[in-house]
All heavy atoms as atom14 arrays in JSON, in Angstrom:
{
  "sequence": "TGKPIIIFNHDLLTSGNEFVFGIDDNEKINLNE",
  "atom14_mask": [
    [1, 1, 1, 1, 1, 1, 1, 0, 0, 0, 0, 0, 0, 0],
    [1, 1, 1, 1, 0, 0, 0, 0, 0, 0, 0, 0, 0, 0],
    [1, 1, 1, 1, 1, 1, 1, 1, 1, 0, 0, 0, 0, 0],
    [1, 1, 1, 1, 1, 1, 1, 0, 0, 0, 0, 0, 0, 0],
    [1, 1, 1, 1, 1, 1, 1, 1, 0, 0, 0, 0, 0, 0],
    [1, 1, 1, 1, 1, 1, 1, 1, 0, 0, 0, 0, 0, 0],
    [1, 1, 1, 1, 1, 1, 1, 1, 0, 0, 0, 0, 0, 0],
    [1, 1, 1, 1, 1, 1, 1, 1, 1, 1, 1, 0, 0, 0],
    [1, 1, 1, 1, 1, 1, 1, 1, 0, 0, 0, 0, 0, 0],
    [1, 1, 1, 1, 1, 1, 1, 1, 1, 1, 0, 0, 0, 0],
    [1, 1, 1, 1, 1, 1, 1, 1, 0, 0, 0, 0, 0, 0],
    [1, 1, 1, 1, 1, 1, 1, 1, 0, 0, 0, 0, 0, 0],
    [1, 1, 1, 1, 1, 1, 1, 1, 0, 0, 0, 0, 0, 0],
    [1, 1, 1, 1, 1, 1, 1, 0, 0, 0, 0, 0, 0, 0],
    [1, 1, 1, 1, 1, 1, 0, 0, 0, 0, 0, 0, 0, 0],
    [1, 1, 1, 1, 0, 0, 0, 0, 0, 0, 0, 0, 0, 0],
    [1, 1, 1, 1, 1, 1, 1, 1, 0, 0, 0, 0, 0, 0],
    [1, 1, 1, 1, 1, 1, 1, 1, 1, 0, 0, 0, 0, 0],
    [1, 1, 1, 1, 1, 1, 1, 1, 1, 1, 1, 0, 0, 0],
    [1, 1, 1, 1, 1, 1, 1, 0, 0, 0, 0, 0, 0, 0],
    [1, 1, 1, 1, 1, 1, 1, 1, 1, 1, 1, 0, 0, 0],
    [1, 1, 1, 1, 0, 0, 0, 0, 0, 0, 0, 0, 0, 0],
    [1, 1, 1, 1, 1, 1, 1, 1, 0, 0, 0, 0, 0, 0],
    [1, 1, 1, 1, 1, 1, 1, 1, 0, 0, 0, 0, 0, 0],
    [1, 1, 1, 1, 1, 1, 1, 1, 0, 0, 0, 0, 0, 0],
    [1, 1, 1, 1, 1, 1, 1, 1, 0, 0, 0, 0, 0, 0],
    [1, 1, 1, 1, 1, 1, 1, 1, 1, 0, 0, 0, 0, 0],
    [1, 1, 1, 1, 1, 1, 1, 1, 1, 0, 0, 0, 0, 0],
    [1, 1, 1, 1, 1, 1, 1, 1, 0, 0, 0, 0, 0, 0],
    [1, 1, 1, 1, 1, 1, 1, 1, 0, 0, 0, 0, 0, 0],
    [1, 1, 1, 1, 1, 1, 1, 1, 0, 0, 0, 0, 0, 0],
    [1, 1, 1, 1, 1, 1, 1, 1, 0, 0, 0, 0, 0, 0],
    [1, 1, 1, 1, 1, 1, 1, 1, 1, 0, 0, 0, 0, 0]
  ],
  "atom14_positions": [
    [[71.76, 11.91, 53.69], [72.24, 12.8, 54.74], [72.37, 12.04, 56.06], [71.47, 11.3, 56.46], [71.26, 13.98, 54.93], [71.14, 14.68, 53.69], [71.76, 14.93, 56.01], [0.0, 0.0, 0.0], [0.0, 0.0, 0.0], [0.0, 0.0, 0.0], [0.0, 0.0, 0.0], [0.0, 0.0, 0.0], [0.0, 0.0, 0.0], [0.0, 0.0, 0.0]],
    [[73.53, 12.21, 56.71], [73.75, 11.58, 58.0], [74.39, 10.21, 57.94], [74.79, 9.67, 58.97], [0.0, 0.0, 0.0], [0.0, 0.0, 0.0], [0.0, 0.0, 0.0], [0.0, 0.0, 0.0], [0.0, 0.0, 0.0], [0.0, 0.0, 0.0], [0.0, 0.0, 0.0], [0.0, 0.0, 0.0], [0.0, 0.0, 0.0], [0.0, 0.0, 0.0]],
    [[74.5, 9.63, 56.74], [75.13, 8.31, 56.64], [76.62, 8.43, 56.93], [77.3, 9.3, 56.38], [74.92, 7.74, 55.24], [75.41, 6.3, 55.09], [74.96, 5.68, 53.79], [75.28, 4.21, 53.72], [74.71, 3.55, 52.53], [0.0, 0.0, 0.0], [0.0, 0.0, 0.0], [0.0, 0.0, 0.0], [0.0, 0.0, 0.0], [0.0, 0.0, 0.0]],
    [[77.17, 7.6, 57.81], [78.6, 7.68, 58.12], [79.47, 7.43, 56.89], [79.15, 6.59, 56.06], [78.8, 6.58, 59.16], [77.44, 6.33, 59.72], [76.48, 6.57, 58.59], [0.0, 0.0, 0.0], [0.0, 0.0, 0.0], [0.0, 0.0, 0.0], [0.0, 0.0, 0.0], [0.0, 0.0, 0.0], [0.0, 0.0, 0.0], [0.0, 0.0, 0.0]],
    [[80.58, 8.18, 56.82], [81.53, 8.05, 55.71], [82.91, 7.76, 56.26], [83.35, 8.37, 57.24], [81.55, 9.33, 54.85], [80.23, 9.48, 54.1], [82.72, 9.32, 53.86], [80.1, 10.79, 53.38], [0.0, 0.0, 0.0], [0.0, 0.0, 0.0], [0.0, 0.0, 0.0], [0.0, 0.0, 0.0], [0.0, 0.0, 0.0], [0.0, 0.0, 0.0]],
    [[83.61, 6.82, 55.64], [85.01, 6.53, 55.95], [85.79, 6.6, 54.65], [85.36, 6.06, 53.63], [85.16, 5.15, 56.61], [84.55, 5.16, 58.01], [86.63, 4.73, 56.68], [84.59, 3.83, 58.74], [0.0, 0.0, 0.0], [0.0, 0.0, 0.0], [0.0, 0.0, 0.0], [0.0, 0.0, 0.0], [0.0, 0.0, 0.0], [0.0, 0.0, 0.0]],
    [[86.92, 7.28, 54.68], [87.73, 7.47, 53.48], [89.07, 6.75, 53.62], [89.71, 6.79, 54.68], [87.95, 8.97, 53.19], [86.61, 9.62, 52.8], [88.99, 9.17, 52.07], [86.7, 11.08, 52.41], [0.0, 0.0, 0.0], [0.0, 0.0, 0.0], [0.0, 0.0, 0.0], [0.0, 0.0, 0.0], [0.0, 0.0, 0.0], [0.0, 0.0, 0.0]],
    [[89.48, 6.09, 52.53], [90.78, 5.44, 52.44], [91.66, 6.21, 51.47], [91.21, 6.62, 50.39], [90.63, 4.01, 51.94], [89.76, 3.13, 52.79], [88.53, 2.68, 52.33], [90.18, 2.73, 54.05], [87.73, 1.86, 53.09], [89.39, 1.9, 54.83], [88.16, 1.47, 54.36], [0.0, 0.0, 0.0], [0.0, 0.0, 0.0], [0.0, 0.0, 0.0]],
    [[92.91, 6.39, 51.85], [93.9, 7.03, 50.98], [95.26, 6.51, 51.41], [95.4, 5.98, 52.53], [93.82, 8.56, 51.1], [94.62, 9.3, 50.05], [95.85, 9.28, 50.06], [93.93, 9.97, 49.15], [0.0, 0.0, 0.0], [0.0, 0.0, 0.0], [0.0, 0.0, 0.0], [0.0, 0.0, 0.0], [0.0, 0.0, 0.0], [0.0, 0.0, 0.0]],
    [[96.27, 6.68, 50.58], [97.61, 6.24, 50.99], [98.21, 7.18, 52.03], [99.07, 6.78, 52.8], [98.54, 6.15, 49.77], [99.88, 5.59, 50.11], [100.06, 4.35, 50.68], [101.14, 6.12, 49.97], [101.34, 4.14, 50.88], [102.02, 5.18, 50.46], [0.0, 0.0, 0.0], [0.0, 0.0, 0.0], [0.0, 0.0, 0.0], [0.0, 0.0, 0.0]],
    [[97.75, 8.43, 52.08], [98.31, 9.4, 53.01], [97.19, 10.14, 53.72], [96.02, 10.09, 53.32], [99.22, 10.38, 52.26], [100.19, 11.1, 53.18], [100.24, 10.79, 54.39], [100.91, 12.0, 52.69], [0.0, 0.0, 0.0], [0.0, 0.0, 0.0], [0.0, 0.0, 0.0], [0.0, 0.0, 0.0], [0.0, 0.0, 0.0], [0.0, 0.0, 0.0]],
    [[97.55, 10.88, 54.73], [96.61, 11.68, 55.5], [96.35, 13.0, 54.8], [97.27, 13.64, 54.29], [97.17, 11.92, 56.91], [96.29, 12.64, 57.91], [95.01, 11.85, 58.18], [97.05, 12.86, 59.22], [0.0, 0.0, 0.0], [0.0, 0.0, 0.0], [0.0, 0.0, 0.0], [0.0, 0.0, 0.0], [0.0, 0.0, 0.0], [0.0, 0.0, 0.0]],
    [[95.09, 13.43, 54.78], [94.73, 14.67, 54.1], [95.24, 15.89, 54.83], [95.75, 16.84, 54.22], [93.2, 14.75, 53.95], [92.66, 16.02, 53.31], [93.09, 16.13, 51.85], [91.12, 16.06, 53.42], [0.0, 0.0, 0.0], [0.0, 0.0, 0.0], [0.0, 0.0, 0.0], [0.0, 0.0, 0.0], [0.0, 0.0, 0.0], [0.0, 0.0, 0.0]],
    [[95.12, 15.91, 56.15], [95.46, 17.09, 56.95], [95.87, 16.67, 58.35], [95.49, 15.59, 58.82], [94.25, 18.04, 57.03], [94.56, 19.16, 57.87], [93.02, 17.33, 57.6], [0.0, 0.0, 0.0], [0.0, 0.0, 0.0], [0.0, 0.0, 0.0], [0.0, 0.0, 0.0], [0.0, 0.0, 0.0], [0.0, 0.0, 0.0], [0.0, 0.0, 0.0]],
    [[96.62, 17.51, 59.02], [96.95, 17.28, 60.42], [96.01, 18.06, 61.33], [96.12, 17.98, 62.55], [98.4, 17.68, 60.71], [98.6, 19.06, 60.39], [0.0, 0.0, 0.0], [0.0, 0.0, 0.0], [0.0, 0.0, 0.0], [0.0, 0.0, 0.0], [0.0, 0.0, 0.0], [0.0, 0.0, 0.0], [0.0, 0.0, 0.0], [0.0, 0.0, 0.0]],
    [[95.1, 18.83, 60.73], [94.16, 19.63, 61.5], [92.84, 18.92, 61.71], [92.7, 17.73, 61.45], [0.0, 0.0, 0.0], [0.0, 0.0, 0.0], [0.0, 0.0, 0.0], [0.0, 0.0, 0.0], [0.0, 0.0, 0.0], [0.0, 0.0, 0.0], [0.0, 0.0, 0.0], [0.0, 0.0, 0.0], [0.0, 0.0, 0.0], [0.0, 0.0, 0.0]],
    [[91.86, 19.67, 62.18], [90.56, 19.11, 62.51], [89.53, 19.28, 61.4], [88.46, 18.68, 61.45], [90.01, 19.74, 63.79], [90.86, 19.38, 65.01], [91.62, 18.42, 64.98], [90.73, 20.15, 66.07], [0.0, 0.0, 0.0], [0.0, 0.0, 0.0], [0.0, 0.0, 0.0], [0.0, 0.0, 0.0], [0.0, 0.0, 0.0], [0.0, 0.0, 0.0]],
    [[89.84, 20.1, 60.4], [88.92, 20.34, 59.29], [89.39, 19.57, 58.06], [90.48, 19.82, 57.54], [88.85, 21.84, 58.96], [88.17, 22.68, 60.03], [86.68, 22.39, 60.12], [86.03, 22.33, 59.05], [86.17, 22.2, 61.25], [0.0, 0.0, 0.0], [0.0, 0.0, 0.0], [0.0, 0.0, 0.0], [0.0, 0.0, 0.0], [0.0, 0.0, 0.0]],
    [[88.59, 18.61, 57.61], [88.94, 17.8, 56.45], [88.26, 18.4, 55.22], [87.13, 18.05, 54.88], [88.53, 16.35, 56.68], [89.44, 15.62, 57.63], [89.39, 15.88, 58.99], [90.38, 14.71, 57.16], [90.23, 15.23, 59.87], [91.23, 14.06, 58.03], [91.17, 14.32, 59.4], [0.0, 0.0, 0.0], [0.0, 0.0, 0.0], [0.0, 0.0, 0.0]],
    [[88.99, 19.32, 54.59], [88.47, 20.04, 53.43], [89.23, 19.59, 52.2], [90.46, 19.67, 52.16], [88.58, 21.56, 53.61], [88.1, 22.29, 52.36], [87.76, 22.01, 54.82], [0.0, 0.0, 0.0], [0.0, 0.0, 0.0], [0.0, 0.0, 0.0], [0.0, 0.0, 0.0], [0.0, 0.0, 0.0], [0.0, 0.0, 0.0], [0.0, 0.0, 0.0]],
    [[88.51, 19.13, 51.2], [89.13, 18.69, 49.95], [88.52, 19.47, 48.8], [87.3, 19.6, 48.71], [88.9, 17.19, 49.72], [89.58, 16.65, 48.5], [90.89, 16.24, 48.54], [88.91, 16.57, 47.28], [91.54, 15.76, 47.41], [89.54, 16.09, 46.14], [90.86, 15.69, 46.21], [0.0, 0.0, 0.0], [0.0, 0.0, 0.0], [0.0, 0.0, 0.0]],
    [[89.37, 20.01, 47.92], [88.84, 20.76, 46.79], [89.91, 21.32, 45.89], [91.09, 20.95, 45.99], [0.0, 0.0, 0.0], [0.0, 0.0, 0.0], [0.0, 0.0, 0.0], [0.0, 0.0, 0.0], [0.0, 0.0, 0.0], [0.0, 0.0, 0.0], [0.0, 0.0, 0.0], [0.0, 0.0, 0.0], [0.0, 0.0, 0.0], [0.0, 0.0, 0.0]],
    [[89.48, 22.23, 45.04], [90.36, 22.84, 44.05], [90.86, 24.19, 44.53], [92.04, 24.51, 44.45], [89.62, 23.01, 42.71], [89.1, 21.65, 42.21], [90.53, 23.63, 41.66], [88.17, 21.75, 41.03], [0.0, 0.0, 0.0], [0.0, 0.0, 0.0], [0.0, 0.0, 0.0], [0.0, 0.0, 0.0], [0.0, 0.0, 0.0], [0.0, 0.0, 0.0]],
    [[89.93, 25.01, 45.05], [90.26, 26.34, 45.56], [89.19, 26.75, 46.56], [88.35, 25.93, 46.96], [90.35, 27.36, 44.4], [89.12, 27.36, 43.51], [87.99, 27.21, 44.03], [89.28, 27.5, 42.28], [0.0, 0.0, 0.0], [0.0, 0.0, 0.0], [0.0, 0.0, 0.0], [0.0, 0.0, 0.0], [0.0, 0.0, 0.0], [0.0, 0.0, 0.0]],
    [[89.2, 28.01, 46.96], [88.25, 28.47, 47.98], [86.81, 28.43, 47.5], [85.87, 28.42, 48.3], [88.61, 29.89, 48.42], [89.88, 29.93, 49.25], [90.25, 28.87, 49.82], [90.51, 31.0, 49.34], [0.0, 0.0, 0.0], [0.0, 0.0, 0.0], [0.0, 0.0, 0.0], [0.0, 0.0, 0.0], [0.0, 0.0, 0.0], [0.0, 0.0, 0.0]],
    [[86.63, 28.43, 46.19], [85.27, 28.42, 45.64], [84.74, 27.02, 45.37], [83.52, 26.81, 45.35], [85.22, 29.25, 44.34], [85.54, 30.71, 44.57], [85.07, 31.31, 45.55], [86.35, 31.29, 43.71], [0.0, 0.0, 0.0], [0.0, 0.0, 0.0], [0.0, 0.0, 0.0], [0.0, 0.0, 0.0], [0.0, 0.0, 0.0], [0.0, 0.0, 0.0]],
    [[85.65, 26.07, 45.14], [85.24, 24.7, 44.86], [85.93, 23.77, 45.86], [87.09, 23.4, 45.7], [85.61, 24.29, 43.43], [84.83, 25.03, 42.36], [85.07, 24.44, 40.98], [84.36, 23.48, 40.61], [85.97, 24.94, 40.28], [0.0, 0.0, 0.0], [0.0, 0.0, 0.0], [0.0, 0.0, 0.0], [0.0, 0.0, 0.0], [0.0, 0.0, 0.0]],
    [[85.19, 23.42, 46.89], [85.75, 22.58, 47.94], [84.62, 21.86, 48.67], [83.46, 22.26, 48.63], [86.57, 23.42, 48.92], [85.77, 24.52, 49.62], [86.66, 25.37, 50.5], [85.85, 26.49, 51.16], [86.71, 27.35, 52.01], [0.0, 0.0, 0.0], [0.0, 0.0, 0.0], [0.0, 0.0, 0.0], [0.0, 0.0, 0.0], [0.0, 0.0, 0.0]],
    [[84.99, 20.77, 49.33], [84.06, 19.98, 50.11], [84.57, 19.93, 51.55], [85.71, 19.53, 51.79], [83.94, 18.54, 49.59], [83.59, 18.52, 48.1], [82.9, 17.76, 50.39], [83.76, 17.14, 47.47], [0.0, 0.0, 0.0], [0.0, 0.0, 0.0], [0.0, 0.0, 0.0], [0.0, 0.0, 0.0], [0.0, 0.0, 0.0], [0.0, 0.0, 0.0]],
    [[83.73, 20.31, 52.49], [84.05, 20.11, 53.89], [83.52, 18.73, 54.28], [82.32, 18.53, 54.47], [83.41, 21.19, 54.76], [83.87, 21.09, 56.22], [84.21, 20.01, 56.7], [83.87, 22.21, 56.92], [0.0, 0.0, 0.0], [0.0, 0.0, 0.0], [0.0, 0.0, 0.0], [0.0, 0.0, 0.0], [0.0, 0.0, 0.0], [0.0, 0.0, 0.0]],
    [[84.43, 17.76, 54.37], [84.03, 16.38, 54.61], [83.43, 16.2, 56.0], [82.63, 15.27, 56.21], [85.23, 15.46, 54.43], [85.77, 15.4, 52.99], [87.14, 14.73, 52.95], [84.8, 14.66, 52.08], [0.0, 0.0, 0.0], [0.0, 0.0, 0.0], [0.0, 0.0, 0.0], [0.0, 0.0, 0.0], [0.0, 0.0, 0.0], [0.0, 0.0, 0.0]],
    [[83.79, 17.06, 56.94], [83.19, 16.98, 58.27], [81.68, 17.15, 58.2], [80.93, 16.54, 58.97], [83.78, 18.07, 59.18], [85.27, 17.97, 59.33], [86.0, 18.31, 58.4], [85.75, 17.5, 60.47], [0.0, 0.0, 0.0], [0.0, 0.0, 0.0], [0.0, 0.0, 0.0], [0.0, 0.0, 0.0], [0.0, 0.0, 0.0], [0.0, 0.0, 0.0]],
    [[81.23, 17.97, 57.26], [79.79, 18.21, 57.11], [79.07, 17.04, 56.45], [77.84, 17.01, 56.4], [79.57, 19.49, 56.29], [80.1, 20.74, 56.98], [80.0, 21.98, 56.1], [79.59, 21.84, 54.91], [80.35, 23.07, 56.58], [0.0, 0.0, 0.0], [0.0, 0.0, 0.0], [0.0, 0.0, 0.0], [0.0, 0.0, 0.0], [0.0, 0.0, 0.0]]
  ]
}
């Protein structure tokens, strides 16, 4: 917990401020957390 994370991808996940990755509303990860 608290360890900094940096993610690499070929493209940007979102243009917003919430970096949420998942399948649907029930299965998702808020990467900001």
